[in-house]
């Protein structure tokens, strides 16, 4: 099956939020403990400018199945060539290769939006996501032990990174 990606539009935000919210209960991919509202994600959406921090949706049969965002890391100008990646998939398409597809797209597109370093922030117990990023050459650059509490369980946050250029 073929996936098509495109820049997200404001009209896509409810679906983006719905996919995000579908992951909250799993306690595997987000530190939000309750679903978020579309309104609460408006400023986040506005921060994603196509020329430097794109937000893509991926579709199959004209239905949004997932999304990928490039977000500023740490919000200071000196980090402008580094971005954090986020990938969220609809439950119905997980395990079908869409995460691999999106991660490869991100790596390929990064230099064109002025990036030479990509980061992922992944819970230590999310072995599937850690393995995905590792397959694409991301290395473990940091570990923040027990910084998140999910349903009373302390969880580690792993920082993975990949340098795309040697410059």
Protein backbone atom coordinates (compact mmCIF):
# COMPACT_ATOMS: atom_id res chain seq x y z
CA UNK A 1 0.00 0.00 0.00
CA UNK A 2 1.20 3.46 -0.76
CA UNK A 3 1.39 6.38 1.62
CA UNK A 4 1.27 10.01 0.58
CA UNK A 5 2.52 12.78 2.80
CA UNK A 6 1.76 16.48 2.63
CA UNK A 7 2.06 19.57 4.76
CA UNK A 8 -0.60 19.70 7.42
CA UNK A 9 -3.26 22.39 7.20
CA UNK A 10 -5.24 23.91 10.02
CA UNK A 11 -8.18 21.77 8.92
CA UNK A 12 -6.10 18.68 9.78
CA UNK A 13 -5.55 19.72 13.39
CA UNK A 14 -8.58 17.86 14.83
CA UNK A 15 -7.36 14.60 13.26
CA UNK A 16 -3.76 15.26 14.38
CA UNK A 17 -5.01 15.77 17.93
CA UNK A 18 -7.22 12.67 17.76
CA UNK A 19 -4.27 10.51 16.74
CA UNK A 20 -2.15 12.04 19.50
CA UNK A 21 -4.89 11.52 22.07
CA UNK A 22 -5.24 7.87 21.04
CA UNK A 23 -1.76 7.29 22.48
CA UNK A 24 -2.26 8.93 25.87
CA UNK A 25 -3.80 5.94 27.65
CA UNK A 26 -1.00 3.59 26.57
CA UNK A 27 1.57 5.53 28.64
CA UNK A 28 4.13 4.58 25.98
CA UNK A 29 4.71 7.69 23.86
CA UNK A 30 3.55 10.88 25.55
CA UNK A 31 3.90 12.43 28.98
CA UNK A 32 0.41 13.88 28.77
CA UNK A 33 -1.80 12.11 31.27
CA UNK A 34 -5.12 13.31 29.84
CA UNK A 35 -6.22 13.96 26.27
CA UNK A 36 -5.47 17.43 24.93
CA UNK A 37 -7.88 19.75 23.14
CA UNK A 38 -7.59 21.09 19.63
CA UNK A 39 -7.56 24.60 21.09
CA UNK A 40 -4.60 23.78 23.34
CA UNK A 41 -2.58 22.72 20.28
CA UNK A 42 -3.18 25.86 18.20
CA UNK A 43 0.09 27.60 19.11
CA UNK A 44 2.03 24.34 18.66
CA UNK A 45 0.53 24.01 15.18
CA UNK A 46 1.42 27.62 14.32
CA UNK A 47 5.08 27.00 15.26
CA UNK A 48 5.43 24.51 12.41
CA UNK A 49 6.58 26.52 9.42
CA UNK A 50 7.09 24.50 6.21
CA UNK A 51 10.45 26.07 5.37
CA UNK A 52 12.11 25.22 8.70
CA UNK A 53 9.89 23.06 10.98
CA UNK A 54 7.38 21.19 8.84
CA UNK A 55 4.41 19.25 10.14
CA UNK A 56 3.32 16.52 7.76
CA UNK A 57 0.32 14.29 7.69
CA UNK A 58 0.44 10.97 5.90
CA UNK A 59 -2.58 9.59 4.13
CA UNK A 60 -3.80 6.44 2.52
CA UNK A 61 -7.05 6.50 0.58
CA UNK A 62 -7.52 10.18 1.51
CA UNK A 63 -7.59 9.38 5.24
CA UNK A 64 -4.96 10.72 7.63
CA UNK A 65 -3.17 7.75 9.18
CA UNK A 66 -0.39 9.55 11.03
CA UNK A 67 1.77 12.60 11.31
CA UNK A 68 5.35 13.71 11.75
CA UNK A 69 6.61 16.99 13.15
CA UNK A 70 9.96 18.73 13.34
CA UNK A 71 10.05 20.89 16.48
CA UNK A 72 12.57 23.35 17.84
CA UNK A 73 15.00 21.92 20.33
CA UNK A 74 15.41 24.00 23.44
CA UNK A 75 14.17 27.19 21.76
CA UNK A 76 17.49 29.04 21.56
CA UNK A 77 18.99 30.32 18.28
CA UNK A 78 22.24 28.37 18.62
CA UNK A 79 20.23 25.14 18.36
CA UNK A 80 18.54 26.20 15.12
CA UNK A 81 20.08 23.39 13.05
CA UNK A 82 18.73 20.75 15.45
CA UNK A 83 15.13 19.54 15.66
CA UNK A 84 13.15 17.06 17.68
CA UNK A 85 11.12 14.55 15.67
CA UNK A 86 7.70 13.32 16.71
CA UNK A 87 5.88 10.51 14.93
CA UNK A 88 2.32 9.53 15.82
CA UNK A 89 0.32 6.83 14.07
CA UNK A 90 -3.32 5.86 14.08
CA UNK A 91 -3.78 2.61 15.96
CA UNK A 92 -5.13 0.88 12.84
CA UNK A 93 -1.87 1.34 10.91
CA UNK A 94 0.73 0.62 13.56
CA UNK A 95 3.10 -2.20 12.66
CA UNK A 96 2.63 -1.70 8.90
CA UNK A 97 5.88 0.15 8.17
CA UNK A 98 4.51 3.68 8.35
CA UNK A 99 6.87 4.68 11.17
CA UNK A 100 9.85 3.55 9.06
CA UNK A 101 8.47 5.44 6.07
CA UNK A 102 8.06 8.66 8.03
CA UNK A 103 11.43 8.44 9.73
CA UNK A 104 13.18 7.98 6.37
CA UNK A 105 11.24 10.95 4.96
CA UNK A 106 12.35 13.07 7.91
CA UNK A 107 16.01 12.12 7.48
CA UNK A 108 15.87 12.82 3.75
CA UNK A 109 14.10 16.17 4.17
CA UNK A 110 16.10 17.50 7.11
CA UNK A 111 18.96 19.13 5.17
CA UNK A 112 16.43 20.93 2.96
CA UNK A 113 14.91 22.64 6.00
CA UNK A 114 18.29 23.62 7.41
CA UNK A 115 18.84 20.75 9.82
CA UNK A 116 21.93 18.67 10.39
CA UNK A 117 20.97 17.04 13.70
CA UNK A 118 17.79 15.15 14.58
CA UNK A 119 16.68 14.11 18.05
CA UNK A 120 14.07 11.81 19.48
CA UNK A 121 12.81 11.83 23.05
CA UNK A 122 11.54 8.34 23.83
CA UNK A 123 10.44 6.66 27.03
CA UNK A 124 12.87 3.94 28.09
CA UNK A 125 10.07 1.36 28.20
CA UNK A 126 9.05 2.09 24.58
CA UNK A 127 11.28 -0.56 23.05
CA UNK A 128 9.55 -0.47 19.66
CA UNK A 129 10.30 3.23 19.12
CA UNK A 130 13.84 2.90 20.45
CA UNK A 131 14.47 0.02 18.03
CA UNK A 132 12.98 1.98 15.12
CA UNK A 133 15.26 4.96 15.65
CA UNK A 134 18.27 2.69 16.20
CA UNK A 135 17.60 0.98 12.84
CA UNK A 136 17.93 4.41 11.22
CA UNK A 137 21.28 5.18 12.77
CA UNK A 138 20.18 7.11 15.84
CA UNK A 139 22.38 6.57 18.87
CA UNK A 140 21.57 6.94 22.54
CA UNK A 141 22.86 10.39 23.47
CA UNK A 142 21.34 10.71 26.89
CA UNK A 143 19.23 9.17 29.60
CA UNK A 144 17.14 11.03 32.13
CA UNK A 145 16.33 8.40 34.75
CA UNK A 146 12.91 8.37 36.39
CA UNK A 147 11.93 11.89 35.23
CA UNK A 148 8.33 10.98 34.33
CA UNK A 149 5.67 9.49 36.57
CA UNK A 150 2.99 7.59 34.69
CA UNK A 151 0.24 6.13 36.85
CA UNK A 152 2.58 6.06 39.81
CA UNK A 153 5.43 4.41 37.90
CA UNK A 154 8.65 6.36 37.43
CA UNK A 155 9.89 6.20 33.83
CA UNK A 156 13.16 7.07 32.09
CA UNK A 157 13.40 9.38 29.11
CA UNK A 158 15.96 8.40 26.50
CA UNK A 159 17.38 10.99 24.13
CA UNK A 160 18.45 9.57 20.77
CA UNK A 161 20.20 11.58 18.11
CA UNK A 162 21.61 11.41 14.66
CA UNK A 163 24.01 13.79 13.03
CA UNK A 164 23.26 14.05 9.30
CA UNK A 165 26.39 15.92 8.21
CA UNK A 166 30.00 15.97 9.26
CA UNK A 167 30.28 19.75 8.98
